[in-house]
Protein backbone atom coordinates (compact mmCIF):
# COMPACT_ATOMS: atom_id res chain seq x y z
CA UNK A 1 43.13 -147.77 63.43
CA UNK A 2 44.72 -148.73 67.09
CA UNK A 3 47.90 -149.91 64.65
CA UNK A 4 47.63 -146.85 63.19
CA UNK A 5 47.25 -144.68 66.59
CA UNK A 6 49.78 -147.28 68.44
CA UNK A 7 52.35 -146.51 65.30
CA UNK A 8 52.19 -142.40 65.52
CA UNK A 9 52.50 -142.70 69.10
CA UNK A 10 55.61 -144.57 68.77
CA UNK A 11 57.00 -142.37 66.15
CA UNK A 12 56.45 -139.29 68.29
CA UNK A 13 58.16 -140.76 71.46
CA UNK A 14 60.97 -141.78 68.92
CA UNK A 15 61.38 -138.14 68.03
CA UNK A 16 60.94 -136.98 71.50
CA UNK A 17 63.69 -139.42 72.98
CA UNK A 18 66.04 -137.84 69.55
CA UNK A 19 65.20 -134.38 70.32
CA UNK A 20 65.78 -135.19 74.15
CA UNK A 21 68.99 -137.00 73.24
CA UNK A 22 70.45 -133.97 70.90
CA UNK A 23 69.24 -131.60 73.84
CA UNK A 24 71.51 -133.85 75.85
CA UNK A 25 74.64 -133.77 73.94
CA UNK A 26 74.42 -130.07 73.40
CA UNK A 27 76.42 -128.00 76.34
CA UNK A 28 75.54 -125.21 78.00
CA UNK A 29 78.42 -122.51 77.30
CA UNK A 30 80.15 -120.61 80.12
CA UNK A 31 82.93 -117.90 78.04
CA UNK A 32 84.54 -116.04 80.93
CA UNK A 33 87.27 -113.85 79.65
CA UNK A 34 88.93 -111.28 82.14
CA UNK A 35 90.26 -107.39 81.31
CA UNK A 36 94.00 -107.23 81.61
CA UNK A 37 95.33 -110.59 83.40
CA UNK A 38 98.02 -111.93 82.07
CA UNK A 39 99.60 -115.19 81.16
CA UNK A 40 101.83 -115.05 84.36
CA UNK A 41 98.81 -113.73 86.56
CA UNK A 42 97.81 -117.22 87.87
CA UNK A 43 99.43 -119.48 90.52
CA UNK A 44 98.74 -122.66 88.28
CA UNK A 45 101.53 -121.09 85.61
CA UNK A 46 103.97 -120.12 88.27
CA UNK A 47 103.30 -117.41 89.63
CA UNK A 48 105.63 -117.29 93.14
CA UNK A 49 103.20 -114.61 94.86
CA UNK A 50 99.86 -114.52 93.46
CA UNK A 51 97.61 -117.20 94.97
CA UNK A 52 94.77 -118.26 92.25
CA UNK A 53 93.60 -121.49 94.31
CA UNK A 54 90.51 -121.68 91.69
CA UNK A 55 91.78 -121.15 88.71
CA UNK A 56 94.20 -123.74 89.55
CA UNK A 57 91.60 -126.09 90.13
CA UNK A 58 89.77 -125.57 86.91
CA UNK A 59 93.54 -125.65 85.55
CA UNK A 60 93.29 -128.85 86.35
CA UNK A 61 90.61 -129.75 84.95
CA UNK A 62 90.95 -128.54 81.72
CA UNK A 63 92.59 -128.59 78.17
CA UNK A 64 95.07 -125.91 78.22
CA UNK A 65 96.09 -124.31 75.30
CA UNK A 66 99.50 -123.31 75.97
CA UNK A 67 100.28 -121.30 72.68
CA UNK A 68 97.00 -119.49 72.54
CA UNK A 69 97.06 -115.67 71.48
CA UNK A 70 94.54 -112.87 71.41
CA UNK A 71 95.34 -109.14 70.42
CA UNK A 72 97.70 -107.16 72.62
CA UNK A 73 94.11 -104.47 73.59
CA UNK A 74 90.78 -105.27 74.38
CA UNK A 75 88.15 -104.62 71.86
CA UNK A 76 90.53 -106.44 68.53
CA UNK A 77 90.67 -109.05 71.10
CA UNK A 78 86.73 -109.17 71.44
CA UNK A 79 85.62 -107.99 68.31
CA UNK A 80 87.92 -111.05 66.98
CA UNK A 81 86.41 -113.28 69.80
CA UNK A 82 82.57 -112.54 68.64
CA UNK A 83 82.90 -112.56 64.94
CA UNK A 84 85.97 -115.33 64.33
CA UNK A 85 87.95 -112.53 61.81
CA UNK A 86 90.63 -110.97 62.55
CA UNK A 87 90.46 -107.31 63.63
CA UNK A 88 91.38 -106.13 60.53
CA UNK A 89 88.35 -107.66 58.71
CA UNK A 90 85.50 -106.90 61.16
CA UNK A 91 86.77 -103.05 61.76
CA UNK A 92 87.10 -103.00 65.24
CA UNK A 93 90.71 -102.62 66.12
CA UNK A 94 90.92 -99.98 68.50
CA UNK A 95 89.65 -98.93 72.18
CA UNK A 96 87.95 -95.90 70.75
CA UNK A 97 88.02 -93.24 67.91
CA UNK A 98 85.10 -95.07 65.44
CA UNK A 99 86.95 -98.03 66.14
CA UNK A 100 85.88 -100.18 68.50
CA UNK A 101 82.92 -101.08 66.78
CA UNK A 102 82.41 -103.67 63.95
CA UNK A 103 81.30 -103.72 60.95
CA UNK A 104 77.09 -103.79 60.40
CA UNK A 105 75.40 -106.51 59.47
CA UNK A 106 78.55 -109.21 60.47
CA UNK A 107 77.10 -112.17 62.60
CA UNK A 108 78.18 -112.80 66.14
CA UNK A 109 78.37 -115.52 68.37
CA UNK A 110 75.40 -114.92 70.61
CA UNK A 111 73.28 -114.56 66.93
CA UNK A 112 74.65 -118.25 66.37
CA UNK A 113 73.57 -119.27 69.66
CA UNK A 114 70.25 -117.98 69.43
CA UNK A 115 69.29 -119.63 66.16
CA UNK A 116 69.94 -123.01 67.35
CA UNK A 117 67.53 -122.04 70.21
CA UNK A 118 70.17 -121.35 73.34
CA UNK A 119 69.12 -118.55 75.28
CA UNK A 120 72.00 -116.03 75.22
CA UNK A 121 73.32 -113.79 78.33
CA UNK A 122 75.92 -111.21 78.89
CA UNK A 123 77.24 -109.88 82.01
CA UNK A 124 80.23 -107.33 82.67
CA UNK A 125 82.53 -105.61 79.57
CA UNK A 126 80.98 -104.77 76.22
CA UNK A 127 83.50 -102.42 74.44
CA UNK A 128 82.09 -102.91 70.91
CA UNK A 129 79.93 -99.85 71.02
CA UNK A 130 77.69 -97.77 72.77
CA UNK A 131 74.99 -97.02 70.49
CA UNK A 132 72.72 -99.01 68.53
CA UNK A 133 72.70 -101.18 66.19
CA UNK A 134 76.20 -102.33 68.16
CA UNK A 135 75.37 -102.59 71.42
CA UNK A 136 75.22 -106.28 73.25
CA UNK A 137 70.89 -106.12 73.11
CA UNK A 138 71.55 -105.30 69.59
CA UNK A 139 73.92 -108.04 68.64
CA UNK A 140 71.99 -111.25 69.28
CA UNK A 141 72.37 -111.09 73.50
CA UNK A 142 68.66 -111.38 74.68
CA UNK A 143 69.77 -110.53 78.37
CA UNK A 144 72.61 -108.13 79.00
CA UNK A 145 73.86 -106.08 81.92
CA UNK A 146 76.71 -104.05 81.12
CA UNK A 147 78.74 -101.12 81.35
CA UNK A 148 79.67 -98.29 78.61
CA UNK A 149 82.75 -98.18 76.69
CA UNK A 150 85.99 -99.85 78.40
CA UNK A 151 84.71 -100.10 81.65
CA UNK A 152 83.51 -98.24 85.01
CA UNK A 153 84.61 -94.72 84.90
CA UNK A 154 85.04 -94.23 81.18
CA UNK A 155 83.54 -91.10 79.04
CA UNK A 156 80.66 -92.88 78.25
CA UNK A 157 79.88 -94.32 81.51
CA UNK A 158 77.40 -92.44 84.44
CA UNK A 159 79.29 -89.49 86.05
CA UNK A 160 80.99 -90.19 89.40
CA UNK A 161 80.72 -94.23 88.51
CA UNK A 162 82.39 -96.36 90.77
CA UNK A 163 82.84 -100.27 91.43
CA UNK A 164 80.89 -100.33 94.27
CA UNK A 165 77.34 -100.00 93.82
CA UNK A 166 77.85 -99.20 90.14
CA UNK A 167 75.22 -97.72 87.59
CA UNK A 168 74.72 -100.28 85.08
CA UNK A 169 73.22 -101.23 82.04
CA UNK A 170 70.27 -103.48 82.15
CA UNK A 171 68.97 -104.18 78.60
CA UNK A 172 69.06 -100.82 77.50
CA UNK A 173 67.89 -99.55 81.12
CA UNK A 174 70.19 -97.65 83.46
CA UNK A 175 69.99 -98.75 87.10
CA UNK A 176 71.84 -99.16 90.22
CA UNK A 177 73.12 -102.23 92.18
CA UNK A 178 74.34 -103.03 95.16
CA UNK A 179 77.91 -104.36 95.84
CA UNK A 180 81.21 -104.81 94.05
CA UNK A 181 81.38 -104.88 90.48
CA UNK A 182 82.11 -108.09 89.59
CA UNK A 183 80.44 -110.08 92.66
CA UNK A 184 77.08 -108.28 90.79
CA UNK A 185 78.34 -109.65 87.83
CA UNK A 186 78.55 -113.28 88.89
CA UNK A 187 75.73 -112.80 91.02
CA UNK A 188 73.62 -111.59 88.19
CA UNK A 189 75.02 -114.29 86.19
CA UNK A 190 74.13 -117.17 88.40
CA UNK A 191 70.41 -116.04 89.06
CA UNK A 192 69.69 -116.16 85.09
CA UNK A 193 71.56 -118.99 84.95
CA UNK A 194 69.01 -120.51 87.52
CA UNK A 195 66.34 -119.33 85.26
CA UNK A 196 67.21 -120.83 81.98
CA UNK A 197 67.79 -124.13 84.06
CA UNK A 198 63.94 -123.59 85.32
CA UNK A 199 62.99 -123.36 81.60
CA UNK A 200 64.69 -126.58 80.30
CA UNK A 201 66.59 -123.86 77.97
CA UNK A 202 70.53 -124.16 76.59
CA UNK A 203 72.06 -120.88 77.74
CA UNK A 204 75.19 -119.32 76.45
CA UNK A 205 76.62 -117.38 79.00
CA UNK A 206 79.15 -114.77 78.20
CA UNK A 207 80.93 -113.13 81.33
CA UNK A 208 83.50 -110.36 80.48
CA UNK A 209 84.43 -109.60 83.35
CA UNK A 210 85.38 -105.34 83.78
CA UNK A 211 88.62 -106.39 86.54
CA UNK A 212 91.43 -106.40 86.26
CA UNK A 213 92.01 -103.37 84.38
CA UNK A 214 92.85 -99.74 85.76
CA UNK A 215 91.47 -98.08 88.20
CA UNK A 216 92.79 -100.85 91.04
CA UNK A 217 90.15 -101.20 92.77
CA UNK A 218 89.15 -103.55 95.05
CA UNK A 219 88.51 -104.31 99.19
CA UNK A 220 90.91 -103.95 101.10
CA UNK A 221 90.77 -107.84 102.27
CA UNK A 222 92.45 -109.15 98.97
CA UNK A 223 94.32 -106.29 98.45
CA UNK A 224 96.33 -106.50 101.88
CA UNK A 225 97.99 -109.69 101.87
CA UNK A 226 99.63 -108.45 98.97
CA UNK A 227 100.39 -104.82 100.58
CA UNK A 228 101.77 -106.73 103.24
CA UNK A 229 104.82 -108.23 100.75
CA UNK A 230 105.67 -104.18 100.36
CA UNK A 231 108.43 -105.23 97.80
CA UNK A 232 109.12 -108.51 95.85
CA UNK A 233 112.97 -108.88 93.94
CA UNK A 234 113.08 -105.46 94.65
CA UNK A 235 109.61 -104.30 92.76
CA UNK A 236 107.06 -103.07 94.46
CA UNK A 237 103.49 -105.73 94.76
CA UNK A 238 100.87 -104.63 92.54
CA UNK A 239 98.24 -105.19 95.78
CA UNK A 240 95.50 -103.45 94.03
CA UNK A 241 95.68 -105.50 90.75
CA UNK A 242 96.42 -109.11 92.63
CA UNK A 243 93.69 -108.26 95.16
CA UNK A 244 91.27 -107.50 92.12
CA UNK A 245 92.21 -110.51 90.30
CA UNK A 246 91.93 -112.61 93.86
CA UNK A 247 88.60 -111.73 93.87
CA UNK A 248 87.87 -113.17 90.35
CA UNK A 249 88.88 -116.42 91.27
CA UNK A 250 86.87 -116.01 94.95
CA UNK A 251 83.88 -115.64 92.46
CA UNK A 252 85.62 -118.55 90.31
CA UNK A 253 85.34 -120.81 93.62
CA UNK A 254 81.14 -119.50 93.88
CA UNK A 255 80.40 -120.12 90.34
CA UNK A 256 82.01 -124.29 90.90
CA UNK A 257 79.71 -124.63 93.88
CA UNK A 258 76.52 -123.42 91.96
CA UNK A 259 77.12 -125.46 88.55
CA UNK A 260 77.67 -128.59 91.43
CA UNK A 261 74.69 -127.78 93.32
CA UNK A 262 72.52 -126.92 90.32
CA UNK A 263 73.53 -130.40 88.18
CA UNK A 264 74.83 -127.83 85.59
CA UNK A 265 78.71 -128.72 85.55
CA UNK A 266 78.83 -132.24 83.53
CA UNK A 267 77.17 -130.36 80.78
CA UNK A 268 78.44 -127.45 80.79
CA UNK A 269 81.47 -126.29 78.57
CA UNK A 270 83.61 -123.09 80.87
CA UNK A 271 86.22 -121.22 79.28
CA UNK A 272 88.22 -119.07 80.59
CA UNK A 273 90.81 -116.93 79.34
CA UNK A 274 91.95 -113.06 79.12
CA UNK A 275 92.17 -110.65 76.91
CA UNK A 276 95.55 -109.55 76.46
CA UNK A 277 98.64 -109.27 78.49
CA UNK A 278 98.76 -107.95 81.64
CA UNK A 279 98.09 -103.92 82.37
CA UNK A 280 100.78 -103.96 85.30
CA UNK A 281 104.12 -103.40 84.28
CA UNK A 282 105.19 -104.58 87.85
CA UNK A 283 103.57 -107.19 87.76
CA UNK A 284 105.34 -108.43 84.38
CA UNK A 285 108.31 -107.80 86.17
CA UNK A 286 107.27 -110.32 89.22
CA UNK A 287 106.48 -112.63 87.33
CA UNK A 288 105.70 -113.52 83.34
CA UNK A 289 106.47 -116.89 82.52
CA UNK A 290 109.28 -116.13 80.49
CA UNK A 291 107.95 -113.69 77.85
CA UNK A 292 108.66 -110.24 77.88
CA UNK A 293 106.28 -107.38 77.40
CA UNK A 294 102.77 -106.80 78.74
CA UNK A 295 99.30 -105.07 77.35
CA UNK A 296 99.78 -103.41 74.06
CA UNK A 297 103.46 -104.84 73.77
CA UNK A 298 104.25 -106.57 70.29
CA UNK A 299 106.28 -109.51 72.13
CA UNK A 300 104.71 -112.42 73.07
CA UNK A 301 104.00 -111.40 76.79
CA UNK A 302 101.39 -108.53 75.05
CA UNK A 303 99.29 -111.28 73.53
CA UNK A 304 99.41 -115.30 74.09
CA UNK A 305 97.32 -115.39 76.96
CA UNK A 306 95.21 -118.14 79.04
CA UNK A 307 93.14 -120.49 77.62
CA UNK A 308 90.99 -123.17 79.63
CA UNK A 309 88.31 -125.22 78.54
CA UNK A 310 86.19 -127.94 80.71
CA UNK A 311 83.03 -129.95 79.43
CA UNK A 312 83.45 -133.00 81.75
CA UNK A 313 80.92 -134.90 79.27
CA UNK A 314 82.00 -134.03 75.89
CA UNK A 315 85.99 -133.25 75.80
CA UNK A 316 89.15 -135.53 76.32
CA UNK A 317 90.38 -135.17 79.43
CA UNK A 318 92.43 -132.44 81.36
CA UNK A 319 96.23 -131.98 79.09
CA UNK A 320 98.56 -129.36 77.42
CA UNK A 321 98.00 -128.33 73.78
CA UNK A 322 100.70 -126.82 72.28
CA UNK A 323 99.66 -125.59 68.83
CA UNK A 324 99.43 -122.85 67.61
CA UNK A 325 95.77 -121.26 68.16
CA UNK A 326 93.98 -118.13 68.63
CA UNK A 327 90.81 -116.49 70.06
CA UNK A 328 89.24 -116.44 66.12
CA UNK A 329 89.30 -120.01 66.71
CA UNK A 330 86.42 -120.28 69.38
CA UNK A 331 83.51 -119.37 67.29
CA UNK A 332 84.58 -121.98 64.57
CA UNK A 333 85.14 -124.38 67.56
CA UNK A 334 81.73 -124.09 69.13
CA UNK A 335 80.22 -124.35 66.06
CA UNK A 336 80.95 -127.57 65.88
CA UNK A 337 81.08 -128.85 69.25
CA UNK A 338 76.96 -127.28 69.92
CA UNK A 339 76.01 -128.05 66.59
CA UNK A 340 75.23 -124.24 65.58
CA UNK A 341 74.80 -122.85 62.17
CA UNK A 342 77.55 -122.98 60.20
CA UNK A 343 79.87 -119.74 60.66
CA UNK A 344 80.38 -116.98 58.08
CA UNK A 345 82.63 -118.06 55.01
CA UNK A 346 84.43 -115.15 56.31
CA UNK A 347 85.57 -116.14 59.81
CA UNK A 348 89.48 -116.37 59.73
CA UNK A 349 89.56 -119.31 62.83
CA UNK A 350 89.88 -122.92 62.74
CA UNK A 351 87.71 -125.23 64.47
CA UNK A 352 90.08 -126.86 67.34
CA UNK A 353 86.48 -129.26 68.22
CA UNK A 354 88.39 -132.23 66.98
CA UNK A 355 91.50 -132.11 68.76
CA UNK A 356 90.10 -130.83 72.12
CA UNK A 357 87.96 -134.15 71.45
CA UNK A 358 91.12 -135.75 70.67
CA UNK A 359 90.05 -137.05 67.43
CA UNK A 360 92.94 -135.21 66.00
CA UNK A 361 96.33 -135.02 67.15
CA UNK A 362 97.46 -131.90 65.01
CA UNK A 363 96.40 -128.87 64.24
CA UNK A 364 97.28 -128.41 60.43
CA UNK A 365 100.29 -126.06 59.82
CA UNK A 366 98.99 -122.28 59.90
CA UNK A 367 100.37 -118.75 59.72
CA UNK A 368 98.52 -116.26 61.91
CA UNK A 369 98.55 -112.14 61.88
CA UNK A 370 98.39 -110.36 64.80
CA UNK A 371 97.37 -106.75 63.87
CA UNK A 372 95.81 -103.62 66.19
CA UNK A 373 96.15 -100.03 66.63
CA UNK A 374 96.69 -97.87 69.07
CA UNK A 375 95.10 -94.62 68.99
CA UNK A 376 95.74 -95.25 65.40
CA UNK A 377 93.01 -95.51 63.09
CA UNK A 378 94.63 -96.00 59.84
CA UNK A 379 95.68 -99.35 59.83
CA UNK A 380 99.17 -98.60 57.66
CA UNK A 381 100.94 -101.51 56.67
CA UNK A 382 103.11 -103.51 59.25
CA UNK A 383 102.27 -100.97 62.30
CA UNK A 384 101.65 -103.17 65.14
CA UNK A 385 101.52 -105.90 63.06
CA UNK A 386 103.06 -109.38 63.82
CA UNK A 387 102.87 -112.75 62.00
CA UNK A 388 103.25 -116.06 63.67
CA UNK A 389 104.02 -119.68 62.33
CA UNK A 390 104.44 -122.37 64.93
CA UNK A 391 107.38 -121.09 67.27
CA UNK A 392 108.53 -118.50 64.59
CA UNK A 393 107.31 -114.63 65.42
CA UNK A 394 107.75 -111.74 63.01
CA UNK A 395 107.59 -108.62 64.62
CA UNK A 396 107.03 -106.01 61.90
CA UNK A 397 108.91 -106.54 58.95
CA UNK A 398 112.46 -106.81 60.32
CA UNK A 399 112.44 -108.52 63.49
CA UNK A 400 112.44 -112.37 63.94
CA UNK A 401 112.29 -114.92 66.81
CA UNK A 402 111.49 -118.37 67.90
CA UNK A 403 110.03 -118.77 71.07
CA UNK A 404 111.43 -122.79 71.16
CA UNK A 405 114.60 -121.68 72.01
CA UNK A 406 114.32 -117.73 72.96
CA UNK A 407 110.92 -117.43 75.16
CA UNK A 408 111.77 -113.99 76.35
CA UNK A 409 112.51 -112.89 72.22
CA UNK A 410 115.73 -111.12 72.78
CA UNK A 411 117.83 -112.42 69.79
CA UNK A 412 117.03 -111.00 66.06
CA UNK A 413 117.39 -114.06 64.19
CA UNK A 414 116.51 -112.40 60.74
CA UNK A 415 119.93 -113.09 59.14
CA UNK A 416 120.44 -116.60 60.14
CA UNK A 417 116.84 -117.42 58.46
CA UNK A 418 116.19 -114.76 56.03
CA UNK A 419 113.82 -117.66 54.21
CA UNK A 420 111.76 -117.76 56.68
CA UNK A 421 111.58 -114.38 57.32
CA UNK A 422 110.62 -113.69 53.77
CA UNK A 423 107.53 -116.23 53.53
CA UNK A 424 106.04 -114.95 56.66
CA UNK A 425 106.55 -111.72 54.91
CA UNK A 426 104.84 -112.75 52.14
CA UNK A 427 102.04 -114.29 53.81
CA UNK A 428 101.29 -110.68 55.19
CA UNK A 429 101.45 -108.71 52.14
CA UNK A 430 98.76 -110.82 51.28
CA UNK A 431 96.57 -110.87 54.09
CA UNK A 432 97.03 -106.98 54.43
CA UNK A 433 95.58 -106.76 50.90
CA UNK A 434 92.41 -108.67 51.35
CA UNK A 435 92.29 -107.36 55.08
CA UNK A 436 92.79 -103.55 54.44
CA UNK A 437 89.16 -104.06 51.92
CA UNK A 438 87.19 -104.85 55.03
CA UNK A 439 89.08 -102.21 56.90
CA UNK A 440 88.05 -99.59 54.72
CA UNK A 441 84.04 -100.68 55.13
CA UNK A 442 82.63 -97.46 57.84
CA UNK A 443 80.98 -98.28 60.06
CA UNK A 444 77.47 -96.57 61.07
CA UNK A 445 75.01 -95.71 64.33
CA UNK A 446 71.69 -95.70 63.18
CA UNK A 447 69.66 -92.51 64.25
CA UNK A 448 65.90 -92.11 64.48
CA UNK A 449 64.95 -95.74 64.42
CA UNK A 450 61.35 -97.26 65.83
CA UNK A 451 63.61 -99.36 67.81
CA UNK A 452 65.77 -96.87 69.29
CA UNK A 453 64.09 -93.34 68.26
CA UNK A 454 66.29 -91.65 71.27
CA UNK A 455 69.90 -92.42 71.94
CA UNK A 456 73.34 -91.18 72.70
CA UNK A 457 75.96 -90.73 70.57
CA UNK A 458 79.68 -90.74 72.62
CA UNK A 459 83.00 -88.95 71.75
CA UNK A 460 84.53 -92.89 72.46
CA UNK A 461 82.81 -93.82 69.21
CA UNK A 462 83.45 -90.48 67.23
CA UNK A 463 86.13 -90.62 64.15
CA UNK A 464 88.65 -87.91 65.36
CA UNK A 465 90.80 -87.09 68.12
CA UNK A 466 91.79 -89.55 70.94
CA UNK A 467 88.50 -88.82 73.75
CA UNK A 468 88.16 -91.61 75.84
CA UNK A 469 88.87 -91.31 79.43
CA UNK A 470 88.37 -88.60 82.40
CA UNK A 471 91.28 -86.48 81.71
CA UNK A 472 89.87 -85.82 78.24
CA UNK A 473 86.71 -85.20 79.82
CA UNK A 474 88.36 -82.63 81.67
CA UNK A 475 90.78 -80.94 79.02
CA UNK A 476 87.87 -81.24 76.69
CA UNK A 477 89.54 -80.02 73.73
CA UNK A 478 89.69 -82.60 71.02
CA UNK A 479 86.85 -83.00 68.00
CA UNK A 480 85.78 -85.77 65.69
CA UNK A 481 82.67 -86.67 63.47
CA UNK A 482 80.20 -89.78 63.88
CA UNK A 483 79.10 -91.54 60.50
CA UNK A 484 75.17 -92.11 61.44
CA UNK A 485 72.27 -93.32 59.46
CA UNK A 486 69.55 -91.31 59.06
CA UNK A 487 66.53 -94.32 60.02
CA UNK A 488 63.86 -92.08 58.50
CA UNK A 489 62.89 -88.77 57.04
CA UNK A 490 61.76 -86.63 59.48
CA UNK A 491 62.08 -83.66 62.43
CA UNK A 492 65.20 -84.68 64.69
CA UNK A 493 66.23 -82.68 67.58
CA UNK A 494 70.09 -82.41 68.52
CA UNK A 495 71.01 -81.95 72.37
CA UNK A 496 75.00 -80.70 72.07
CA UNK A 497 76.97 -81.85 75.59
CA UNK A 498 80.38 -81.17 77.20
CA UNK A 499 79.39 -83.15 80.27
CA UNK A 500 77.25 -85.98 80.42
CA UNK A 501 73.93 -85.79 81.02
CA UNK A 502 73.88 -87.49 84.51
CA UNK A 503 76.33 -84.80 85.76
CA UNK A 504 74.11 -81.87 84.82
CA UNK A 505 77.07 -79.78 84.82
CA UNK A 506 76.51 -76.34 82.42
CA UNK A 507 78.42 -76.50 79.26
CA UNK A 508 81.18 -74.01 80.43
CA UNK A 509 81.35 -75.22 84.07
CA UNK A 510 84.66 -76.91 85.84
CA UNK A 511 84.34 -79.33 88.28
CA UNK A 512 85.73 -79.99 91.74
CA UNK A 513 88.41 -82.77 90.94
CA UNK A 514 87.49 -85.57 93.83
CA UNK A 515 84.18 -86.13 91.90
CA UNK A 516 85.81 -87.04 88.59
CA UNK A 517 86.67 -90.86 88.87
CA UNK A 518 89.73 -90.92 86.84
CA UNK A 519 92.75 -93.24 86.95
CA UNK A 520 94.79 -90.72 89.38
CA UNK A 521 92.56 -88.18 91.36
CA UNK A 522 92.24 -85.04 90.33
CA UNK A 523 92.87 -81.55 92.32
CA UNK A 524 91.06 -78.75 93.14
CA UNK A 525 88.52 -77.33 90.40
CA UNK A 526 88.72 -78.54 86.90
CA UNK A 527 87.87 -78.11 83.42
CA UNK A 528 86.51 -74.83 82.78
CA UNK A 529 85.46 -74.02 79.54
CA UNK A 530 85.12 -70.57 77.56
CA UNK A 531 82.13 -72.12 75.28
CA UNK A 532 80.22 -69.09 73.84
CA UNK A 533 79.23 -71.10 70.60
CA UNK A 534 77.88 -74.44 69.94
CA UNK A 535 77.69 -75.43 65.68
CA UNK A 536 76.69 -78.37 63.82
CA UNK A 537 76.58 -79.54 60.40
CA UNK A 538 74.08 -82.57 59.50
CA UNK A 539 72.93 -84.03 56.05
CA UNK A 540 73.50 -80.23 54.54
CA UNK A 541 72.25 -78.82 57.36
CA UNK A 542 74.33 -76.06 59.43
CA UNK A 543 73.72 -73.62 62.07
CA UNK A 544 75.57 -71.87 64.85
CA UNK A 545 73.60 -70.46 68.24
CA UNK A 546 75.10 -68.81 71.60
CA UNK A 547 73.79 -71.41 74.57
CA UNK A 548 72.12 -69.72 77.20
CA UNK A 549 74.58 -68.71 79.81
CA UNK A 550 74.12 -71.71 81.99
CA UNK A 551 72.76 -74.11 79.93
CA UNK A 552 73.53 -77.99 80.19
CA UNK A 553 73.48 -78.46 76.35
CA UNK A 554 72.76 -76.39 73.17
CA UNK A 555 69.42 -77.61 70.81
CA UNK A 556 69.17 -77.74 67.34
CA UNK A 557 66.20 -79.19 65.53
CA UNK A 558 66.02 -79.99 61.57
CA UNK A 559 64.12 -81.81 58.95
CA UNK A 560 66.52 -84.19 57.22
CA UNK A 561 66.34 -87.08 55.09
CA UNK A 562 66.94 -90.40 55.58
CA UNK A 563 70.40 -91.84 54.43
CA UNK A 564 73.80 -92.10 55.68
CA UNK A 565 76.16 -89.02 56.72
CA UNK A 566 78.32 -87.62 58.97
CA UNK A 567 77.29 -85.64 61.98
CA UNK A 568 79.87 -82.83 62.87
CA UNK A 569 79.86 -80.22 65.99
CA UNK A 570 81.79 -77.80 67.39
CA UNK A 571 82.01 -75.75 70.55
CA UNK A 572 83.96 -72.33 69.97
CA UNK A 573 84.78 -69.49 72.48
CA UNK A 574 83.28 -65.95 71.86
CA UNK A 575 86.23 -65.15 69.26
CA UNK A 576 85.25 -68.09 67.27
CA UNK A 577 88.33 -69.76 68.16
CA UNK A 578 87.86 -73.84 68.39
CA UNK A 579 87.31 -75.72 71.65
CA UNK A 580 86.31 -79.30 71.52
CA UNK A 581 83.37 -80.97 69.76
CA UNK A 582 80.45 -82.32 72.10
CA UNK A 583 81.86 -84.86 73.35
CA UNK A 584 77.95 -86.19 73.64
CA UNK A 585 74.89 -85.66 71.60
CA UNK A 586 71.67 -87.14 72.36
CA UNK A 587 69.91 -87.48 69.16
CA UNK A 588 65.83 -88.02 68.98
CA UNK A 589 63.28 -88.17 66.09
CA UNK A 590 60.65 -86.29 67.06
């Protein structure tokens, strides 16, 4: 009997030792993505003016993917990162107009990590939907601190919000935090990592900063060194933009100190990238690493970005890798390195794990397609489309470059290489036929669920006219509708607003211009609209009312069946002339 007990104890000890070994082999993961920092906006990449000493240290210790590509705008890149699928396939091809949401039910990166026993945390930007079930806490993140939509000051954000002492969403509850936005996200992320370490849980941290996106707001201590330069080779230095990057760099130094102090550095895989080309035309003219173009551009300057990978215990040294790679490769790579469930067969990325580990010298030959929408939700063939093949770039159907000999993409050599261009066209046509089928699948916001019986719909998620920025809120002249799913049959209340609830302004009122935090300050009293009628059409229910004078919203109540439908609203003047749709609609199942 004693021998049998000893045998079981030995087996348990072996199992414990094995599980401990497996846990030690699985790294913590920190994925940092900055917003609108370009490939040339690093001193380690040769920028002659901008200083990024902490990023330079990370660069020196990392494997660098030097031909790494994303989409030329933020939402498509973020959706590709989270799904491992091309933007056209996952549905998130644009920054608004209903195209910042990925398809319902597509598994995301944090869900894979959670299933593998990791803690999952998100601190910063999301920009993949602001209503259930598209928020980060609905898509696999157990902890999230973020701002809505494209950034602080977006239409979905708290009215009058700022980069200093901002209102942020913590696990779905709006709270105000002290300090500068980037500092807050790093502080809170480090506190969260410390909690996971105490709980002895591996963690996946996604830290996408909202800087250095516009508005260009930063403390003067970071911008003054660049303000004092004035101009550089005849170009006015974008001091605030560079200052935001200097602040990010300082936070990277604080993170490095934290990882060393907590004993987390060696077994943490740290990935750093940016989401598209630089937002600053001036910055691209000062230094763009030999490339042409910037954010939203179709040349490499719009979509080739930095990609640093550091895992002291698990990757094969610091070096450059020049193979053609893309953001969709990150999910399958992490799945292999971290022993996550195998990603969906619909993912387009390739695992880079063996390449990063030094077990493979080169990736298989591949062609990849970048296609996104810039205020266009129709996904027309070849619209904003690029095909990449080794160092070849087919920009649209009729422009071919070889960046090995022409990195600035000045020469169209399609007449010299018609066979190359045709092979790339053929690849695109096959890709497009498959991707368009997924693109056409609607994405629904669920209302009336037990999880979220009351939620707000925002104009940045509607399908219709562009309505995503403070000037659109002031103009209030755009219409759109939402694809929604009524989770249950029952009584629903709809509150239609022109201004956000946090503004507490009447439907027809204007506002003092300086209270609108926008890219450029408004002057005077702006935004008055002669709203007289409010109308709604949803699931067969239609009604028009005259809101009382001074009302902040118009309220409708309807008994509705469960199911998928469209929600349309309209504000009009006393003569019935169309003004705009309700920019905000609060829906509550009673």
